[in-house]
Amino acid sequence: DDWSIQEIARLAGTTSRTLRHYDDIGLLPPSRVAHNGYRHYDGPALVRLQRILLLRELGLGLPQIADVLGSASDSDAAASEASALETHLALLRDEQTRLARQ
């Protein structure tokens, strides 16, 4: 089974424009492109989108997310994700300290 870009955007609470951007930058390529040019996504693509949206919600930028998701294996991905989140947390703490000084 796969779903159209409009269905995925609605289900994920995002826009088809965002999904097209993620495809353009190589972050979330569609599972297939129909003869009419429409993008379609399968289950593994949905899982990847879920991870992207979670990492965005946690404040990671798209380049950091690409690094995290670019890991070869699940254990590498988990370690890379943890590392990215630790880095982000450290940056947030630095910003919190900076703001407290003002």
N, C-alpha and C. Protein backbone atom coordinates (compact mmCIF):
# COMPACT_ATOMS: atom_id res chain seq x y z
N ASP A 1 0.82 -1.19 0.00
CA ASP A 1 0.00 0.00 0.00
C ASP A 1 0.86 1.25 0.00
N ASP A 2 0.38 2.27 -0.65
CA ASP A 2 1.02 3.58 -0.55
C ASP A 2 -0.05 4.65 -0.60
N TRP A 3 0.37 5.86 -0.25
CA TRP A 3 -0.56 6.97 -0.13
C TRP A 3 -0.05 8.15 -0.94
N SER A 4 -0.99 8.98 -1.38
CA SER A 4 -0.62 10.16 -2.16
C SER A 4 -0.02 11.22 -1.24
N ILE A 5 0.63 12.18 -1.84
CA ILE A 5 1.25 13.26 -1.08
C ILE A 5 0.19 14.05 -0.29
N GLN A 6 -1.01 14.22 -0.88
CA GLN A 6 -2.07 14.95 -0.18
C GLN A 6 -2.53 14.17 1.05
N GLU A 7 -2.67 12.84 0.91
CA GLU A 7 -3.09 12.02 2.05
C GLU A 7 -2.06 12.07 3.18
N ILE A 8 -0.79 11.96 2.80
CA ILE A 8 0.28 11.97 3.79
C ILE A 8 0.35 13.33 4.49
N ALA A 9 0.24 14.39 3.73
CA ALA A 9 0.28 15.74 4.31
C ALA A 9 -0.85 15.91 5.32
N ARG A 10 -2.04 15.47 4.96
CA ARG A 10 -3.19 15.59 5.86
C ARG A 10 -2.98 14.74 7.11
N LEU A 11 -2.56 13.50 6.94
CA LEU A 11 -2.35 12.60 8.08
C LEU A 11 -1.26 13.11 9.02
N ALA A 12 -0.20 13.67 8.43
CA ALA A 12 0.95 14.10 9.23
C ALA A 12 0.80 15.51 9.78
N GLY A 13 -0.23 16.22 9.34
CA GLY A 13 -0.42 17.59 9.81
C GLY A 13 0.60 18.54 9.24
N THR A 14 1.03 18.28 8.02
CA THR A 14 1.98 19.16 7.35
C THR A 14 1.40 19.53 5.99
N THR A 15 2.21 20.07 5.11
CA THR A 15 1.70 20.46 3.79
C THR A 15 2.40 19.66 2.69
N SER A 16 1.74 19.55 1.56
CA SER A 16 2.36 18.87 0.42
C SER A 16 3.58 19.67 -0.04
N ARG A 17 3.55 20.98 0.14
CA ARG A 17 4.71 21.81 -0.21
C ARG A 17 5.92 21.41 0.63
N THR A 18 5.71 21.18 1.93
CA THR A 18 6.80 20.74 2.81
C THR A 18 7.34 19.40 2.34
N LEU A 19 6.44 18.47 2.01
CA LEU A 19 6.88 17.15 1.54
C LEU A 19 7.66 17.25 0.23
N ARG A 20 7.23 18.13 -0.66
CA ARG A 20 7.98 18.33 -1.91
C ARG A 20 9.36 18.91 -1.61
N HIS A 21 9.45 19.81 -0.64
CA HIS A 21 10.73 20.39 -0.25
C HIS A 21 11.64 19.30 0.31
N TYR A 22 11.10 18.45 1.19
CA TYR A 22 11.88 17.35 1.76
C TYR A 22 12.40 16.44 0.64
N ASP A 23 11.60 16.23 -0.40
CA ASP A 23 12.05 15.44 -1.54
C ASP A 23 13.16 16.19 -2.29
N ASP A 24 12.97 17.47 -2.53
CA ASP A 24 13.95 18.27 -3.27
C ASP A 24 15.33 18.26 -2.62
N ILE A 25 15.36 18.25 -1.28
CA ILE A 25 16.65 18.27 -0.58
C ILE A 25 17.15 16.87 -0.23
N GLY A 26 16.40 15.84 -0.68
CA GLY A 26 16.84 14.47 -0.48
C GLY A 26 16.53 13.89 0.89
N LEU A 27 15.72 14.57 1.66
CA LEU A 27 15.40 14.12 3.02
C LEU A 27 14.32 13.05 3.03
N LEU A 28 13.33 13.18 2.15
CA LEU A 28 12.23 12.23 2.10
C LEU A 28 11.79 12.02 0.65
N PRO A 29 12.51 11.17 -0.06
CA PRO A 29 12.09 10.90 -1.44
C PRO A 29 10.80 10.06 -1.44
N PRO A 30 9.96 10.24 -2.43
CA PRO A 30 8.75 9.42 -2.48
C PRO A 30 9.12 7.96 -2.77
N SER A 31 8.25 7.06 -2.38
CA SER A 31 8.47 5.63 -2.64
C SER A 31 8.34 5.35 -4.13
N ARG A 32 7.44 6.08 -4.75
CA ARG A 32 7.29 5.97 -6.21
C ARG A 32 6.68 7.26 -6.73
N VAL A 33 6.90 7.49 -8.01
CA VAL A 33 6.29 8.62 -8.68
C VAL A 33 5.41 8.04 -9.79
N ALA A 34 4.14 8.35 -9.76
CA ALA A 34 3.19 7.83 -10.75
C ALA A 34 3.46 8.45 -12.12
N HIS A 35 2.88 7.85 -13.14
CA HIS A 35 3.06 8.35 -14.52
C HIS A 35 2.64 9.79 -14.68
N ASN A 36 1.73 10.26 -13.82
CA ASN A 36 1.28 11.65 -13.88
C ASN A 36 2.17 12.59 -13.07
N GLY A 37 3.24 12.05 -12.48
CA GLY A 37 4.17 12.86 -11.71
C GLY A 37 3.84 12.98 -10.23
N TYR A 38 2.73 12.39 -9.81
CA TYR A 38 2.33 12.47 -8.40
C TYR A 38 3.23 11.59 -7.54
N ARG A 39 3.60 12.12 -6.39
CA ARG A 39 4.44 11.39 -5.46
C ARG A 39 3.56 10.50 -4.56
N HIS A 40 4.08 9.30 -4.28
CA HIS A 40 3.39 8.37 -3.39
C HIS A 40 4.38 7.85 -2.37
N TYR A 41 3.87 7.56 -1.17
CA TYR A 41 4.72 7.16 -0.05
C TYR A 41 4.21 5.86 0.55
N ASP A 42 5.16 4.96 0.91
CA ASP A 42 4.80 3.69 1.53
C ASP A 42 5.06 3.74 3.04
N GLY A 43 4.87 2.61 3.71
CA GLY A 43 5.03 2.53 5.16
C GLY A 43 6.38 3.01 5.66
N PRO A 44 7.50 2.48 5.10
CA PRO A 44 8.81 2.96 5.57
C PRO A 44 9.01 4.47 5.37
N ALA A 45 8.45 5.03 4.31
CA ALA A 45 8.54 6.48 4.11
C ALA A 45 7.76 7.22 5.19
N LEU A 46 6.63 6.65 5.61
CA LEU A 46 5.85 7.28 6.68
C LEU A 46 6.63 7.27 7.99
N VAL A 47 7.32 6.17 8.26
CA VAL A 47 8.14 6.10 9.48
C VAL A 47 9.24 7.15 9.42
N ARG A 48 9.87 7.29 8.25
CA ARG A 48 10.92 8.30 8.09
C ARG A 48 10.35 9.70 8.30
N LEU A 49 9.17 9.97 7.74
CA LEU A 49 8.53 11.28 7.92
C LEU A 49 8.24 11.52 9.39
N GLN A 50 7.77 10.50 10.09
CA GLN A 50 7.49 10.63 11.52
C GLN A 50 8.76 11.02 12.28
N ARG A 51 9.87 10.40 11.95
CA ARG A 51 11.15 10.74 12.59
C ARG A 51 11.56 12.17 12.26
N ILE A 52 11.39 12.56 11.00
CA ILE A 52 11.74 13.93 10.59
C ILE A 52 10.92 14.94 11.39
N LEU A 53 9.61 14.71 11.47
CA LEU A 53 8.75 15.66 12.16
C LEU A 53 9.05 15.71 13.65
N LEU A 54 9.38 14.56 14.25
CA LEU A 54 9.75 14.55 15.67
C LEU A 54 11.03 15.36 15.90
N LEU A 55 12.03 15.12 15.06
CA LEU A 55 13.30 15.85 15.21
C LEU A 55 13.12 17.34 14.96
N ARG A 56 12.24 17.71 14.02
CA ARG A 56 11.94 19.13 13.78
C ARG A 56 11.28 19.73 15.02
N GLU A 57 10.35 18.98 15.61
CA GLU A 57 9.66 19.46 16.80
C GLU A 57 10.64 19.65 17.96
N LEU A 58 11.68 18.83 18.00
CA LEU A 58 12.70 18.96 19.04
C LEU A 58 13.69 20.08 18.75
N GLY A 59 13.55 20.71 17.58
CA GLY A 59 14.35 21.87 17.27
C GLY A 59 15.55 21.64 16.38
N LEU A 60 15.72 20.43 15.86
CA LEU A 60 16.85 20.19 14.97
C LEU A 60 16.57 20.79 13.60
N GLY A 61 17.62 21.28 12.96
CA GLY A 61 17.50 21.81 11.62
C GLY A 61 17.53 20.69 10.59
N LEU A 62 17.14 21.01 9.38
CA LEU A 62 17.10 19.99 8.33
C LEU A 62 18.46 19.36 8.04
N PRO A 63 19.57 20.14 8.04
CA PRO A 63 20.87 19.49 7.82
C PRO A 63 21.22 18.49 8.93
N GLN A 64 20.90 18.84 10.17
CA GLN A 64 21.15 17.91 11.28
C GLN A 64 20.29 16.66 11.14
N ILE A 65 19.05 16.84 10.76
CA ILE A 65 18.14 15.70 10.58
C ILE A 65 18.65 14.80 9.47
N ALA A 66 19.13 15.40 8.38
CA ALA A 66 19.69 14.60 7.29
C ALA A 66 20.86 13.77 7.78
N ASP A 67 21.71 14.35 8.63
CA ASP A 67 22.84 13.61 9.20
C ASP A 67 22.36 12.45 10.05
N VAL A 68 21.37 12.72 10.89
CA VAL A 68 20.84 11.69 11.79
C VAL A 68 20.24 10.55 10.97
N LEU A 69 19.43 10.88 9.99
CA LEU A 69 18.74 9.85 9.21
C LEU A 69 19.63 9.20 8.17
N GLY A 70 20.79 9.79 7.93
CA GLY A 70 21.69 9.23 6.94
C GLY A 70 22.47 8.03 7.44
N SER A 71 22.34 7.69 8.70
CA SER A 71 23.07 6.55 9.26
C SER A 71 22.62 5.25 8.58
N ALA A 72 23.55 4.34 8.45
CA ALA A 72 23.32 3.11 7.70
C ALA A 72 22.39 2.12 8.41
N SER A 73 22.60 1.89 9.70
CA SER A 73 21.82 0.88 10.39
C SER A 73 20.97 1.52 11.48
N ASP A 74 20.02 0.75 11.98
CA ASP A 74 19.14 1.26 13.03
C ASP A 74 19.92 1.63 14.29
N SER A 75 20.90 0.81 14.67
CA SER A 75 21.67 1.13 15.88
C SER A 75 22.51 2.38 15.65
N ASP A 76 23.08 2.52 14.46
CA ASP A 76 23.82 3.74 14.13
C ASP A 76 22.88 4.94 14.14
N ALA A 77 21.68 4.75 13.59
CA ALA A 77 20.71 5.85 13.53
C ALA A 77 20.32 6.28 14.93
N ALA A 78 20.10 5.31 15.82
CA ALA A 78 19.73 5.64 17.20
C ALA A 78 20.87 6.39 17.89
N ALA A 79 22.10 5.94 17.69
CA ALA A 79 23.25 6.61 18.30
C ALA A 79 23.42 8.01 17.72
N SER A 80 23.25 8.13 16.42
CA SER A 80 23.39 9.42 15.75
C SER A 80 22.28 10.37 16.21
N GLU A 81 21.07 9.83 16.35
CA GLU A 81 19.94 10.64 16.81
C GLU A 81 20.20 11.13 18.23
N ALA A 82 20.68 10.24 19.08
CA ALA A 82 20.99 10.62 20.46
C ALA A 82 22.08 11.69 20.50
N SER A 83 23.10 11.52 19.66
CA SER A 83 24.18 12.50 19.60
C SER A 83 23.67 13.86 19.15
N ALA A 84 22.81 13.86 18.13
CA ALA A 84 22.25 15.11 17.64
C ALA A 84 21.41 15.79 18.71
N LEU A 85 20.63 15.00 19.44
CA LEU A 85 19.80 15.57 20.49
C LEU A 85 20.65 16.11 21.64
N GLU A 86 21.74 15.41 21.98
CA GLU A 86 22.65 15.90 23.02
C GLU A 86 23.28 17.23 22.61
N THR A 87 23.69 17.32 21.37
CA THR A 87 24.26 18.56 20.85
C THR A 87 23.23 19.68 20.92
N HIS A 88 22.00 19.38 20.50
CA HIS A 88 20.95 20.39 20.53
C HIS A 88 20.66 20.82 21.96
N LEU A 89 20.61 19.87 22.89
CA LEU A 89 20.37 20.19 24.29
C LEU A 89 21.47 21.10 24.84
N ALA A 90 22.72 20.81 24.48
CA ALA A 90 23.83 21.65 24.93
C ALA A 90 23.69 23.07 24.39
N LEU A 91 23.28 23.19 23.13
CA LEU A 91 23.08 24.52 22.54
C LEU A 91 21.95 25.27 23.26
N LEU A 92 20.88 24.55 23.58
CA LEU A 92 19.77 25.18 24.30
C LEU A 92 20.20 25.64 25.70
N ARG A 93 21.00 24.83 26.37
CA ARG A 93 21.49 25.21 27.70
C ARG A 93 22.40 26.43 27.62
N ASP A 94 23.25 26.47 26.59
CA ASP A 94 24.11 27.65 26.38
C ASP A 94 23.26 28.90 26.17
N GLU A 95 22.21 28.76 25.37
CA GLU A 95 21.32 29.90 25.11
C GLU A 95 20.58 30.31 26.38
N GLN A 96 20.16 29.33 27.16
CA GLN A 96 19.49 29.62 28.43
C GLN A 96 20.43 30.39 29.36
N THR A 97 21.67 29.97 29.44
CA THR A 97 22.67 30.65 30.27
C THR A 97 22.88 32.07 29.78
N ARG A 98 22.99 32.23 28.47
CA ARG A 98 23.21 33.55 27.88
C ARG A 98 22.04 34.48 28.20
N LEU A 99 20.83 33.97 28.07
CA LEU A 99 19.65 34.78 28.38
C LEU A 99 19.55 35.11 29.86
N ALA A 100 19.94 34.20 30.71
CA ALA A 100 19.90 34.45 32.15
C ALA A 100 20.86 35.56 32.55
N ARG A 101 21.97 35.69 31.82
CA ARG A 101 22.95 36.74 32.11
C ARG A 101 22.46 38.12 31.72
N GLN A 102 21.51 38.19 30.80
CA GLN A 102 21.03 39.50 30.31
C GLN A 102 20.07 40.16 31.24
